Protein backbone atom coordinates (compact mmCIF):
# COMPACT_ATOMS: atom_id res chain seq x y z
CA MET A 1 0.00 0.00 0.00
CA GLY A 2 2.81 2.36 0.92
CA GLY A 3 4.61 1.60 -2.34
CA ARG A 4 1.49 2.33 -4.34
CA LEU A 5 1.10 5.72 -2.64
CA VAL A 6 4.73 6.54 -3.40
CA GLN A 7 4.11 5.58 -7.03
CA VAL A 8 1.07 7.85 -7.14
CA TYR A 9 3.07 10.72 -5.64
CA GLU A 10 5.97 10.33 -8.08
CA SER A 11 3.67 10.14 -11.12
CA LEU A 12 2.03 13.50 -10.39
CA GLY A 13 3.14 16.26 -12.71
CA PRO A 14 3.00 20.06 -12.25
CA SER A 15 -0.11 20.36 -14.44
CA ASP A 16 -1.91 17.75 -12.35
CA LEU A 17 -1.13 19.62 -9.16
CA VAL A 18 -2.27 22.92 -10.65
CA GLN A 19 -5.58 21.43 -11.79
CA ILE A 20 -6.19 19.85 -8.39
CA ILE A 21 -5.45 23.09 -6.56
CA ILE A 22 -7.74 25.12 -8.85
CA LEU A 23 -10.61 22.65 -8.44
CA ALA A 24 -10.07 22.59 -4.68
CA VAL A 25 -10.19 26.37 -4.41
CA VAL A 26 -13.35 26.56 -6.52
CA ILE A 27 -15.13 23.87 -4.50
CA PHE A 28 -14.04 25.44 -1.21
CA ALA A 29 -15.37 28.85 -2.33
CA VAL A 30 -18.70 27.30 -3.37
CA LEU A 31 -19.03 25.45 -0.08
CA ARG A 32 -18.20 28.61 1.86
CA VAL A 33 -20.87 30.61 0.04
CA PHE A 34 -23.44 27.90 0.64
CA GLY A 35 -22.40 27.74 4.28
CA ARG A 36 -23.16 31.45 4.66
CA THR A 37 -26.44 31.46 2.79
CA LEU A 38 -27.73 28.32 4.47
CA GLY A 39 -26.49 29.30 7.90
CA ALA A 40 -24.98 25.85 8.32
CA GLY A 41 -22.49 26.92 10.97
CA ASN A 42 -19.77 24.56 12.20
CA LEU A 43 -21.56 21.45 10.89
CA GLY A 44 -21.68 22.87 7.35
CA ARG A 45 -18.03 23.90 7.46
CA GLY A 46 -16.99 20.49 8.78
CA LEU A 47 -18.98 18.69 6.09
CA GLY A 48 -17.48 20.94 3.47
CA LEU A 49 -13.95 20.14 4.60
CA VAL A 50 -14.71 16.41 4.51
CA VAL A 51 -16.09 16.66 0.96
CA LEU A 52 -13.11 18.75 -0.10
CA GLY A 53 -10.67 16.24 1.39
CA LEU A 54 -12.36 13.27 -0.31
CA PHE A 55 -12.40 15.08 -3.63
CA LEU A 56 -8.68 15.86 -3.41
CA LEU A 57 -7.90 12.27 -2.51
CA VAL A 58 -9.87 10.92 -5.47
CA GLN A 59 -8.23 13.40 -7.83
CA VAL A 60 -4.75 12.42 -6.63
CA ILE A 61 -5.46 8.71 -7.10
CA ILE A 62 -7.00 9.20 -10.56
CA ALA A 63 -4.13 11.41 -11.74
CA GLY A 64 -1.47 9.13 -10.29
CA LEU A 65 -2.83 5.82 -11.62
CA ASP A 66 -3.97 7.28 -14.97
CA MET A 67 -7.52 5.98 -14.57
CA THR A 68 -8.99 7.56 -17.68
CA GLU A 69 -12.32 5.72 -17.48
CA LEU A 70 -12.85 6.69 -13.86
CA SER A 71 -11.82 10.26 -14.65
CA THR A 72 -14.46 10.42 -17.42
CA VAL A 73 -17.11 9.04 -15.07
CA LEU A 74 -16.14 11.59 -12.42
CA ASP A 75 -16.41 14.43 -14.96
CA TYR A 76 -19.96 13.35 -15.88
CA LEU A 77 -20.77 12.99 -12.20
CA LEU A 78 -19.55 16.50 -11.42
CA SER A 79 -21.56 17.96 -14.34
CA ALA A 80 -24.71 16.23 -13.12
CA LEU A 81 -24.04 17.37 -9.57
CA LEU A 82 -23.61 20.95 -10.75
CA LEU A 83 -26.96 20.90 -12.56
CA LEU A 84 -28.60 19.36 -9.50
CA MET A 85 -27.17 22.09 -7.27
CA LEU A 86 -28.48 24.79 -9.62
CA VAL A 87 -31.99 23.36 -9.35
CA VAL A 88 -32.08 22.46 -5.67
CA PHE A 89 -30.22 25.49 -4.32
CA GLN A 90 -31.74 28.15 -6.59
CA PRO A 91 -32.85 30.45 -3.69
CA GLU A 92 -29.47 30.13 -1.99
CA LEU A 93 -27.65 30.86 -5.25
CA ARG A 94 -29.76 33.98 -5.68
CA ARG A 95 -28.84 35.18 -2.18
CA ALA A 96 -25.18 34.36 -2.81
CA LEU A 97 -25.19 36.44 -6.01
CA MET A 98 -26.81 39.32 -4.13
CA MET A 99 -24.05 39.10 -1.49
CA LEU A 100 -21.45 39.15 -4.26
CA GLY A 101 -23.08 42.22 -5.80
CA ARG A 102 -22.81 44.07 -2.49
CA SER A 103 -19.16 43.15 -2.08
CA LYS A 104 -16.67 45.97 -1.51
CA LEU A 105 -14.64 44.61 -4.41
CA TRP A 106 -16.95 46.31 -6.90
CA ARG A 107 -16.15 49.73 -5.46
CA PHE A 108 -12.85 49.64 -7.36
CA PHE A 109 -14.73 49.32 -10.66
CA SER A 110 -17.65 51.68 -9.97
CA PRO A 111 -17.54 55.40 -10.89
CA THR A 112 -17.77 56.61 -7.27
CA ASN A 113 -17.03 60.26 -7.97
CA GLN A 114 -19.64 60.38 -10.72
CA SER A 115 -22.40 58.85 -8.60
CA VAL A 116 -21.55 60.98 -5.56
CA ALA A 117 -21.50 64.14 -7.67
CA ASP A 118 -24.87 63.25 -9.17
CA LYS A 119 -26.54 62.65 -5.81
CA LEU A 120 -25.01 65.65 -4.09
CA ALA A 121 -25.87 67.92 -7.00
CA GLU A 122 -29.47 66.67 -7.00
CA ALA A 123 -29.78 67.32 -3.26
CA ALA A 124 -28.14 70.77 -3.49
CA VAL A 125 -30.39 71.90 -6.33
CA GLN A 126 -33.51 70.82 -4.44
CA LEU A 127 -32.32 72.52 -1.24
CA SER A 128 -31.57 75.66 -3.24
CA ARG A 129 -35.10 75.78 -4.61
CA GLU A 130 -36.52 75.46 -1.12
CA ARG A 131 -34.09 78.05 0.31
CA VAL A 132 -32.67 75.54 2.79
CA GLY A 133 -29.06 76.12 3.83
CA ALA A 134 -26.55 73.28 3.54
CA LEU A 135 -22.84 72.65 4.05
CA LEU A 136 -21.17 69.48 2.74
CA ALA A 137 -17.46 68.61 2.88
CA ILE A 138 -16.14 65.87 0.59
CA GLN A 139 -12.90 64.38 1.87
CA GLY A 140 -9.90 64.37 -0.46
CA GLU A 141 -6.45 62.94 0.28
CA MET A 142 -6.27 64.59 3.71
CA ASN A 143 -8.16 62.89 6.53
CA LEU A 144 -11.11 64.78 8.00
CA ALA A 145 -11.33 62.57 11.10
CA PRO A 146 -10.97 65.48 13.60
CA TYR A 147 -14.01 67.20 12.07
CA ILE A 148 -15.97 63.95 11.83
CA GLU A 149 -15.43 63.38 15.56
CA SER A 150 -17.00 66.78 16.30
CA GLY A 151 -20.34 65.68 14.82
CA GLU A 152 -22.76 62.78 14.92
CA ARG A 153 -21.65 59.54 13.27
CA ILE A 154 -23.92 58.25 10.49
CA ASP A 155 -21.92 56.04 8.06
CA ALA A 156 -24.61 55.71 5.39
CA ARG A 157 -24.54 55.65 1.61
CA VAL A 158 -24.94 59.08 0.03
CA THR A 159 -28.43 59.68 -1.34
CA SER A 160 -30.27 62.86 -2.24
CA VAL A 161 -33.08 62.04 0.20
CA LEU A 162 -30.66 61.48 3.09
CA VAL A 163 -28.85 64.79 2.50
CA ARG A 164 -32.10 66.73 2.23
CA THR A 165 -33.45 65.07 5.37
CA ILE A 166 -30.35 66.00 7.37
CA PHE A 167 -30.61 69.67 6.41
CA PHE A 168 -34.36 69.89 6.94
CA PRO A 169 -34.78 72.96 9.19
CA ARG A 170 -36.40 70.98 12.03
CA SER A 171 -33.82 68.20 11.91
CA PRO A 172 -31.55 68.07 14.99
CA LEU A 173 -28.59 67.59 12.62
CA HIS A 174 -29.20 70.50 10.24
CA ASP A 175 -26.71 72.82 11.97
CA GLY A 176 -23.10 72.19 11.01
CA ALA A 177 -21.57 70.29 8.11
CA VAL A 178 -22.05 66.87 6.57
CA VAL A 179 -18.76 65.08 5.87
CA VAL A 180 -18.67 62.65 2.93
CA VAL A 181 -15.94 59.99 2.77
CA ASN A 182 -15.64 57.43 -0.05
CA GLY A 183 -19.20 57.91 -1.20
CA ARG A 184 -20.69 57.62 2.29
CA VAL A 185 -22.03 60.18 4.73
CA ALA A 186 -19.55 59.75 7.58
CA ALA A 187 -21.09 62.27 9.99
CA ALA A 188 -23.42 65.25 10.27
CA ALA A 189 -23.58 68.38 12.45
CA CYS A 190 -19.78 68.64 12.25
CA GLN A 191 -17.97 71.80 13.31
CA LEU A 192 -15.60 73.35 10.77
CA PRO A 193 -12.99 76.11 11.27
CA LEU A 194 -14.03 79.61 10.19
CA GLY A 195 -12.16 81.32 7.36
CA SER A 196 -11.52 85.01 6.82
CA PHE A 197 -14.01 87.48 5.37
CA GLU A 198 -11.50 88.46 2.70
CA ALA A 199 -11.56 85.52 0.32
CA GLU A 200 -11.24 85.15 -3.42
CA THR A 201 -14.70 84.62 -4.92
CA ASN A 202 -16.64 85.13 -8.12
CA LEU A 203 -19.71 86.33 -6.22
CA PRO A 204 -21.38 89.61 -7.20
CA ALA A 205 -19.92 92.71 -5.54
CA GLY A 206 -21.33 93.34 -2.09
CA SER A 207 -22.34 89.70 -1.52
CA HIS A 208 -22.34 88.75 2.14
CA LEU A 209 -20.45 85.66 3.31
CA GLY A 210 -22.43 83.89 6.00
CA MET A 211 -21.20 81.41 8.60
CA ARG A 212 -21.56 78.43 6.24
CA HIS A 213 -19.41 80.11 3.59
CA ARG A 214 -16.78 81.10 6.16
CA ALA A 215 -16.70 77.55 7.52
CA ALA A 216 -16.31 76.20 3.97
CA LEU A 217 -13.43 78.60 3.32
CA GLY A 218 -11.80 77.72 6.65
CA LEU A 219 -11.84 73.99 5.91
CA SER A 220 -10.64 74.48 2.33
CA GLU A 221 -7.70 76.56 3.56
CA GLU A 222 -6.56 73.80 5.93
CA THR A 223 -7.34 70.68 3.85
CA ASP A 224 -7.84 69.57 0.25
CA ALA A 225 -11.54 68.89 0.81
CA VAL A 226 -14.17 69.97 -1.71
CA VAL A 227 -16.92 71.91 0.07
CA LEU A 228 -20.43 72.43 -1.28
CA VAL A 229 -22.48 75.31 0.16
CA VAL A 230 -26.13 76.25 -0.32
CA SER A 231 -27.11 79.72 0.86
CA GLU A 232 -30.22 79.86 3.02
CA GLU A 233 -30.86 83.50 2.13
CA THR A 234 -30.40 83.48 -1.65
CA GLY A 235 -30.39 79.77 -2.56
CA ARG A 236 -27.05 80.32 -4.32
CA ILE A 237 -24.89 77.18 -4.66
CA SER A 238 -21.13 77.51 -4.26
CA LEU A 239 -18.09 75.24 -4.48
CA VAL A 240 -15.13 75.99 -2.24
CA VAL A 241 -11.66 74.50 -2.71
CA GLY A 242 -8.20 75.73 -1.79
CA GLY A 243 -9.46 78.88 -0.09
CA ARG A 244 -11.43 80.05 -3.15
CA LEU A 245 -15.20 80.22 -3.49
CA GLU A 246 -17.01 79.81 -6.81
CA ALA A 247 -20.76 80.29 -7.34
CA VAL A 248 -22.10 77.58 -9.68
CA PRO A 249 -25.44 77.74 -11.55
CA SER A 250 -27.80 74.85 -10.75
CA GLU A 251 -27.80 73.56 -14.33
CA ASN A 252 -23.98 73.26 -14.34
CA LEU A 253 -23.54 71.89 -10.81
CA GLU A 254 -23.37 68.18 -11.56
CA ARG A 255 -20.86 68.60 -14.37
CA ARG A 256 -18.74 71.07 -12.39
CA LEU A 257 -18.75 68.94 -9.25
CA THR A 258 -17.78 65.85 -11.23
CA THR A 259 -14.88 67.77 -12.79
CA VAL A 260 -13.75 69.08 -9.41
CA LEU A 261 -13.82 65.65 -7.77
CA SER A 262 -11.88 64.11 -10.66
CA SER A 263 -9.19 66.81 -10.87
CA PRO A 264 -5.89 67.19 -9.01
CA THR A 265 -6.00 69.56 -6.06
CA ALA A 266 -3.98 72.23 -7.87
CA THR A 267 -6.57 72.56 -10.64
CA TYR A 268 -9.77 72.15 -8.66
CA LEU A 269 -11.11 75.60 -9.43
CA LYS A 270 -10.07 77.97 -12.19
CA LYS A 271 -10.24 81.69 -11.75
CA ALA A 272 -13.31 83.29 -13.21
CA GLY A 273 -12.96 85.47 -16.25
C-alpha cells in the first residue's frame, strides 16, 4: 500500500497539481458561500472540509494511476451534480449572487465620484429651490477625522433624500456640516474652522459671506476637501476649494462637481474670467 502511494506521488506532474489546486479552491469557495447562505455553521463547514478532502484524494489517485475511465465518469458525475445544485439550491444561489453584488470589491470598478456628484448635485439643487441652507465637505487625500469626531456619526450611503433630510430645518442635525468619505455620509452636524471674510470669490460685488461660507473657506484653507455650500438666504450654490469660493449655476452643478472631484488639487477651481 505504501509503495502504491509513493508511485502515485511520483507520477504527479505540475499540471496535475495545478488542476487539483484550482478545483479545490473553486469547490471550497462554493461550499463557503453555501455555508453562509444556508447558515450551516460549524456542521456545514466540517462537512465541506470532509467533501473537499475526499475530492482531493480521489483526484490524486486518478491522476497518479492514470484511470482515464474513472476520470471520465467523475467528470460526468460533477456535471450532473452541478446541474442538480443549480436546481435544488436556486434560492441560496440567488442570495449568494446578491451578497457578491454588495461586495466591496466592486467599489474599485464603480464610478464613485460620478455617482456621488450626481446625488449631491441633486440634493443641493432641491435645497436651493426650497431656500434651505446646507454645508457638505467631501474628503480628499487629507483625513477629516478630527471634524468627523465633532459631529454625529452616520456612516450611510450618500443619497439625495438622506442629505435633504439631514438639512431639513427641524432636523436636529441641520446645523453644522455633513462630511462625505468614499461615497458615504460619515457624519453630520460637524464643526468646521471659520475662514476670513476676505476671500477670493466670483460672487457679485457686495455679496455677504455667511457662517456656512466662512466655515467652507476655513476647511478648504486647511485641507484639500471639496466643500459644497447652499445659501439659506439666496439659494445660491457655491463650491469651495483651496481657499477660493465659486458660485455655480444649478444647471452646471453636476458637471462642475464631477470635474472638481476628478481633478488634481492644484486645478480644482479655475479663476473666473
